[in-house]
Protein backbone atom coordinates (compact mmCIF):
# COMPACT_ATOMS: atom_id res chain seq x y z
CA MET A 1 18.10 5.06 -15.37
CA GLN A 2 14.55 3.36 -15.72
CA LYS A 3 11.63 4.93 -17.42
CA ILE A 4 8.74 3.94 -15.15
CA LEU A 5 5.26 4.37 -14.85
CA LEU A 6 4.08 4.81 -11.19
CA THR A 7 -0.13 4.53 -10.70
CA GLY A 8 -1.34 6.17 -7.41
CA ALA A 9 1.85 8.31 -7.44
CA ALA A 10 0.06 10.74 -5.31
CA GLY A 11 -0.70 8.86 -2.32
CA PHE A 12 0.94 7.79 0.86
CA ILE A 13 2.78 5.01 -0.36
CA GLY A 14 3.36 6.24 -4.02
CA SER A 15 4.47 9.68 -3.35
CA HIS A 16 7.36 8.34 -1.14
CA VAL A 17 8.42 5.54 -3.90
CA ALA A 18 8.17 8.44 -6.65
CA GLU A 19 10.61 10.11 -4.35
CA TYR A 20 12.86 7.29 -3.84
CA LEU A 21 12.99 6.65 -7.72
CA LEU A 22 13.84 10.31 -8.61
CA ASN A 23 16.72 10.53 -6.30
CA GLN A 24 18.19 7.74 -7.72
CA GLY A 25 17.95 9.24 -11.29
CA HIS A 26 14.74 7.16 -12.35
CA GLN A 27 12.60 8.87 -14.93
CA VAL A 28 9.07 8.72 -13.47
CA THR A 29 5.40 9.27 -14.84
CA GLY A 30 3.02 9.22 -12.30
CA ILE A 31 -0.55 8.93 -12.77
CA ASP A 32 -3.30 9.67 -9.79
CA ASN A 33 -6.97 10.32 -10.10
CA PHE A 34 -6.94 12.38 -6.96
CA ASP A 35 -9.86 10.28 -5.47
CA ASP A 36 -12.08 12.21 -3.47
CA PHE A 37 -11.62 9.38 -0.38
CA TYR A 38 -9.46 12.02 1.47
CA SER A 39 -8.51 15.46 0.24
CA LYS A 40 -6.97 16.59 -3.18
CA SER A 41 -4.87 19.15 -1.36
CA ILE A 42 -2.99 16.57 0.72
CA LYS A 43 -2.05 14.27 -2.22
CA VAL A 44 -0.98 17.76 -4.03
CA LYS A 45 1.23 18.27 -1.21
CA ASN A 46 2.75 14.99 -1.07
CA ILE A 47 3.71 15.14 -4.60
CA SER A 48 5.20 18.80 -4.40
CA THR A 49 8.79 17.94 -4.44
CA CYS A 50 8.20 15.50 -6.89
CA LEU A 51 6.73 18.09 -9.53
CA GLU A 52 9.93 20.16 -8.97
CA ASN A 53 11.96 17.42 -10.49
CA PRO A 54 12.69 17.46 -14.54
CA LEU A 55 12.26 13.84 -14.33
CA PHE A 56 8.82 13.62 -13.15
CA THR A 57 5.82 13.60 -15.44
CA PHE A 58 2.31 13.52 -13.75
CA VAL A 59 -0.87 12.84 -15.48
CA GLU A 60 -4.38 13.31 -13.67
CA GLY A 61 -6.62 10.82 -14.39
CA ASN A 62 -7.83 7.10 -13.91
CA VAL A 63 -5.93 4.02 -14.44
CA GLY A 64 -8.74 2.85 -16.73
CA ASP A 65 -7.58 5.44 -19.37
CA VAL A 66 -3.84 4.85 -19.43
CA ALA A 67 -4.51 3.79 -23.33
CA SER A 68 -5.47 7.29 -24.18
CA PHE A 69 -3.09 8.90 -22.07
CA PHE A 70 -0.06 6.95 -23.40
CA PRO A 71 -1.20 5.91 -27.05
CA ASN A 72 2.26 5.89 -28.05
CA SER A 73 4.62 5.35 -24.76
CA THR A 74 6.12 2.58 -23.27
CA PHE A 75 7.84 2.03 -20.07
CA ASP A 76 10.34 -0.29 -18.52
CA LEU A 77 8.52 -1.11 -15.58
CA VAL A 78 4.90 -0.58 -14.25
CA MET A 79 4.41 -0.19 -10.31
CA HIS A 80 0.59 -0.46 -10.07
CA LEU A 81 0.02 0.97 -6.48
CA ALA A 82 -3.36 2.70 -7.23
CA ALA A 83 -6.50 1.36 -5.75
CA LYS A 84 -9.75 2.22 -4.02
CA ALA A 85 -8.71 1.91 -0.52
CA GLY A 86 -10.41 0.99 2.82
CA VAL A 87 -11.85 -2.17 4.24
CA ARG A 88 -14.57 -0.65 5.89
CA PRO A 89 -16.19 1.60 3.04
CA SER A 90 -15.79 -1.08 0.42
CA ILE A 91 -18.52 -3.07 2.08
CA ALA A 92 -21.09 -0.07 1.35
CA GLN A 93 -19.83 0.40 -2.47
CA PRO A 94 -18.26 -2.90 -3.73
CA GLU A 95 -19.43 -2.12 -7.04
CA LEU A 96 -17.16 0.74 -7.00
CA TYR A 97 -13.93 -0.93 -5.58
CA ILE A 98 -14.55 -3.96 -8.57
CA ASP A 99 -14.60 -0.96 -11.10
CA VAL A 100 -11.84 0.58 -9.72
CA ASN A 101 -9.26 -2.26 -8.54
CA LEU A 102 -10.43 -4.92 -11.09
CA SER A 103 -11.71 -3.58 -14.04
CA GLN A 104 -8.91 -0.61 -14.31
CA THR A 105 -6.76 -2.98 -13.43
CA MET A 106 -7.60 -5.12 -16.17
CA ALA A 107 -7.40 -2.09 -18.56
CA LEU A 108 -4.14 -1.61 -17.83
CA LEU A 109 -2.86 -5.06 -18.14
CA GLN A 110 -4.50 -5.05 -21.54
CA TRP A 111 -2.70 -1.90 -22.65
CA MET A 112 0.70 -3.12 -21.42
CA LYS A 113 0.23 -6.52 -23.48
CA ALA A 114 -0.61 -4.53 -26.57
CA HIS A 115 2.49 -2.56 -26.42
CA GLY A 116 4.61 -5.32 -25.19
CA MET A 117 5.65 -4.30 -22.00
CA GLN A 118 6.37 -7.13 -19.42
CA LYS A 119 7.72 -5.89 -16.16
CA LEU A 120 4.95 -5.20 -13.65
CA ILE A 121 4.92 -4.72 -9.54
CA PHE A 122 1.36 -4.95 -8.40
CA ALA A 123 0.23 -3.60 -4.78
CA SER A 124 -1.76 -6.23 -3.08
CA SER A 125 -2.75 -6.45 0.59
CA SER A 126 -2.51 -8.60 3.75
CA SER A 127 -6.21 -8.23 3.80
CA VAL A 128 -6.37 -11.19 1.37
CA TYR A 129 -5.53 -13.36 4.30
CA GLY A 130 -8.65 -12.60 5.82
CA ASN A 131 -9.02 -14.23 9.63
CA ASN A 132 -6.23 -16.96 8.71
CA VAL A 133 -5.85 -19.07 11.96
CA LYS A 134 -2.34 -19.84 10.94
CA VAL A 135 0.35 -17.63 12.10
CA PRO A 136 2.09 -16.15 10.71
CA PHE A 137 0.65 -15.35 7.13
CA ALA A 138 2.68 -17.25 4.48
CA GLU A 139 2.26 -16.36 0.72
CA SER A 140 1.52 -20.41 0.38
CA ASP A 141 -1.57 -20.40 2.85
CA PRO A 142 -4.95 -20.45 1.13
CA VAL A 143 -6.27 -17.08 0.70
CA ASP A 144 -9.88 -18.31 -0.56
CA HIS A 145 -11.90 -16.52 1.97
CA PRO A 146 -12.11 -12.81 1.93
CA ILE A 147 -14.20 -11.07 4.46
CA SER A 148 -14.56 -7.54 2.56
CA PRO A 149 -14.92 -6.32 -1.17
CA TYR A 150 -12.13 -4.80 -0.66
CA ALA A 151 -9.76 -7.89 -0.08
CA PHE A 152 -11.61 -9.90 -2.51
CA THR A 153 -10.67 -7.06 -5.15
CA LYS A 154 -7.13 -7.51 -4.08
CA LYS A 155 -7.15 -11.34 -4.16
CA ALA A 156 -8.60 -11.22 -7.47
CA GLY A 157 -5.86 -8.82 -8.84
CA GLU A 158 -3.69 -11.21 -7.98
CA LEU A 159 -5.47 -13.96 -10.07
CA LEU A 160 -5.54 -11.33 -12.94
CA THR A 161 -1.78 -10.53 -13.06
CA HIS A 162 -1.15 -14.41 -13.09
CA THR A 163 -3.74 -14.35 -16.13
CA PHE A 164 -1.33 -11.95 -17.94
CA HIS A 165 1.79 -13.58 -16.65
CA HIS A 166 0.63 -17.09 -18.39
CA LEU A 167 -0.78 -15.46 -21.62
CA ALA A 168 1.38 -12.48 -22.25
CA HIS A 169 4.59 -13.75 -20.36
CA MET A 170 4.73 -10.76 -18.25
CA ASP A 171 7.09 -10.68 -15.19
CA VAL A 172 5.04 -9.95 -12.27
CA ILE A 173 5.36 -9.76 -8.43
CA ASN A 174 2.50 -8.88 -6.40
CA LEU A 175 3.38 -7.21 -3.05
CA ARG A 176 1.03 -7.94 -0.10
CA PHE A 177 1.42 -4.79 2.12
CA PHE A 178 0.96 -5.51 5.97
CA THR A 179 -0.74 -2.13 7.84
CA VAL A 180 1.79 0.74 6.82
CA TYR A 181 2.43 3.74 8.61
CA GLY A 182 4.73 6.74 8.73
CA GLU A 183 4.72 10.43 7.41
CA ARG A 184 1.80 11.03 5.20
CA GLN A 185 0.13 8.04 6.29
CA ARG A 186 -3.52 8.33 5.26
CA PRO A 187 -5.64 10.34 7.25
CA ASP A 188 -8.48 7.55 7.74
CA LEU A 189 -6.26 5.12 9.11
CA ALA A 190 -6.13 4.23 12.71
CA ILE A 191 -2.56 5.56 13.61
CA HIS A 192 -3.24 8.85 11.90
CA LYS A 193 -6.79 9.20 13.71
CA PHE A 194 -5.47 8.10 17.16
CA ALA A 195 -2.25 10.53 17.17
CA LYS A 196 -4.48 13.37 15.70
CA ALA A 197 -7.02 12.91 18.23
CA MET A 198 -4.83 12.97 21.23
CA LEU A 199 -2.53 15.54 20.49
CA ASN A 200 -5.81 17.80 20.14
CA GLY A 201 -7.10 16.50 23.60
CA GLN A 202 -9.89 14.62 21.75
CA ALA A 203 -11.27 10.96 22.30
CA ILE A 204 -10.33 7.67 20.12
CA THR A 205 -12.42 5.01 19.05
CA LEU A 206 -11.22 1.36 19.57
CA PHE A 207 -13.26 -1.44 18.26
CA GLY A 208 -13.33 -4.55 19.98
CA THR A 209 -11.52 -5.11 23.11
CA GLY A 210 -7.94 -3.69 22.17
CA SER A 211 -6.61 -7.32 21.75
CA THR A 212 -6.66 -7.11 17.95
CA SER A 213 -3.49 -7.04 16.53
CA ARG A 214 -1.66 -5.46 13.33
CA ASP A 215 1.74 -6.13 11.70
CA TYR A 216 2.53 -2.39 11.35
CA THR A 217 5.23 -1.62 8.77
CA TYR A 218 6.97 1.79 8.65
CA ILE A 219 7.07 3.40 5.41
CA GLY A 220 10.78 3.38 4.78
CA ASP A 221 10.98 -0.12 5.07
CA ILE A 222 8.01 -0.79 2.71
CA VAL A 223 9.85 1.44 0.25
CA GLN A 224 12.88 -0.70 0.62
CA GLY A 225 11.39 -3.76 -0.14
CA ILE A 226 9.25 -2.23 -3.22
CA ILE A 227 12.53 -0.98 -4.89
CA SER A 228 14.33 -4.52 -3.82
CA SER A 229 11.28 -6.03 -6.07
CA MET A 230 12.08 -3.55 -8.60
CA ASP A 231 15.71 -4.53 -9.07
CA TYR A 232 14.47 -8.42 -8.74
CA VAL A 233 11.90 -7.98 -11.54
CA LEU A 234 14.12 -6.20 -13.95
CA SER A 235 17.10 -8.55 -13.62
CA ASP A 236 15.36 -11.74 -14.50
CA GLN A 237 12.80 -13.22 -16.60
CA ARG A 238 9.70 -15.27 -16.08
CA VAL A 239 9.16 -14.21 -12.95
CA TYR A 240 5.91 -14.58 -10.82
CA GLU A 241 6.14 -14.20 -7.04
CA THR A 242 3.74 -12.99 -4.46
CA ILE A 243 5.72 -11.72 -1.52
CA ASN A 244 4.73 -10.28 1.81
CA LEU A 245 6.22 -7.01 2.91
CA GLY A 246 5.28 -6.79 6.53
CA SER A 247 7.32 -6.18 10.02
CA LYS A 248 6.99 -10.06 11.38
CA ASN A 249 6.18 -8.11 14.84
CA PRO A 250 2.35 -8.02 15.11
CA ILE A 251 1.51 -5.58 18.14
CA GLN A 252 -1.85 -5.50 20.10
CA LEU A 253 -3.98 -2.20 19.47
CA ILE A 254 -4.18 -1.21 23.06
CA ASP A 255 -0.31 -1.55 22.98
CA LEU A 256 -0.18 0.97 20.04
CA VAL A 257 -2.29 3.33 21.91
CA HIS A 258 0.12 2.99 24.87
CA THR A 259 3.02 3.65 23.10
CA LEU A 260 1.58 6.68 21.25
CA GLU A 261 0.54 7.88 24.76
CA GLU A 262 4.25 7.57 25.60
CA ILE A 263 5.44 9.52 22.46
CA ILE A 264 2.86 12.33 22.76
CA GLY A 265 2.98 12.82 26.29
CA LYS A 266 -0.86 12.84 27.04
CA PRO A 267 -2.93 9.67 27.99
CA ALA A 268 -5.65 9.17 25.59
CA ASN A 269 -9.48 9.25 26.25
CA ILE A 270 -10.71 5.78 25.19
CA GLN A 271 -14.12 5.35 23.83
CA TRP A 272 -14.99 1.47 23.24
CA MET A 273 -17.43 0.12 20.55
CA GLU A 274 -18.17 -3.34 19.23
CA MET A 275 -15.80 -4.75 16.32
CA GLN A 276 -16.52 -3.90 12.96
CA GLU A 277 -17.74 -6.08 10.20
CA GLY A 278 -14.97 -6.64 7.67
CA ASP A 279 -12.25 -5.99 10.40
CA VAL A 280 -9.85 -8.98 10.86
CA ASP A 281 -8.54 -10.08 14.14
CA ARG A 282 -4.84 -9.81 13.57
CA THR A 283 -2.23 -9.87 10.90
CA PHE A 284 1.37 -11.07 11.20
CA ALA A 285 3.50 -11.85 8.09
CA ASP A 286 5.97 -14.33 7.34
CA ILE A 287 8.85 -12.40 5.86
CA GLN A 288 10.97 -15.28 4.95
CA LYS A 289 10.49 -15.25 1.23
CA ALA A 290 11.20 -11.01 1.22
CA GLU A 291 14.03 -12.04 2.83
CA ARG A 292 15.51 -14.49 0.63
CA LEU A 293 14.39 -13.10 -2.64
CA LEU A 294 14.52 -9.41 -2.07
CA HIS A 295 17.18 -9.39 0.92
CA TYR A 296 14.36 -7.35 2.54
CA ALA A 297 15.34 -6.34 6.17
CA PRO A 298 12.87 -4.11 7.81
CA ASN A 299 14.52 -2.33 10.72
CA THR A 300 12.69 0.67 12.22
CA SER A 301 11.06 -0.33 15.48
CA LEU A 302 7.52 0.67 16.37
CA ARG A 303 8.53 3.53 18.78
CA GLU A 304 10.78 4.75 16.44
CA GLY A 305 8.44 4.66 13.27
CA LEU A 306 5.50 6.43 15.59
CA THR A 307 8.17 9.01 17.06
CA ARG A 308 8.86 9.99 13.33
CA PHE A 309 4.99 10.00 12.44
CA VAL A 310 4.11 12.07 15.43
CA ALA A 311 6.78 14.71 14.51
CA TRP A 312 5.66 15.00 11.31
CA LEU A 313 2.11 15.27 12.03
CA LYS A 314 2.52 18.09 14.71
CA LEU A 315 4.27 20.11 11.50
CA ASN A 316 1.36 19.34 9.03
CA SER A 317 -1.59 19.56 11.06
């Protein structure tokens, strides 16, 4: 049994990870500030099962306040999944994203250093690649040209973790997630918005020409990658790795909509608009490193994952 601190525990990815860890018999302390980016009630429901488990402790608050929450506690591993999310909102409120994603991450790392905690998993994002012209996107590619404040904070977060790896000898894995979807997906994300609108007979908005593409990755595959990362970082010393977790199978936006149409059994009423500032043209994960180091093997097809998501959405709308 490992004693794990999980930030962002009530979020989409965090709640799935918490459930998995608890089912494996680990002791999990979750922290989440119930950011008003979307409804608190959704996040409370996300962790409803966890809250019934005696191995789960929950703290409501900001990551930056960990030193006051846990003045004398230490953990075998910190999984830092919390972040201020959203590419487009970050353009309007860059200072808020810098505070949450950088300043509070710094406070977390300082607290870990002060207590001698040396095992960290950090949630980064495929957004760090910007409009990379080389595909697929590999961890060795330059990522010096972010096109949104959100992407900048994720790249800067990786640099922060490297600094503490160097100065405090922390073992770190930065995980770059590629467009995660599935049950409990955030309501602001495209698949959730599209499916909900189509089920209700409402119009959906597509930006651009429908030719943009994303490496959609099912939540179950992402969780397996995170758990494998945990095993890897706990079993070795002097670890510092940045690893893509994607599906290596980019899908064009219009093909995503067509697949949803087939699953839902209704045609989409599409309203077209210009591309939005901060959006990237495509994402495409090179997952060879994850396959080699983590034995990562995503096996959920887009149709299978969307079918599960739509079934969940019908029960939770």
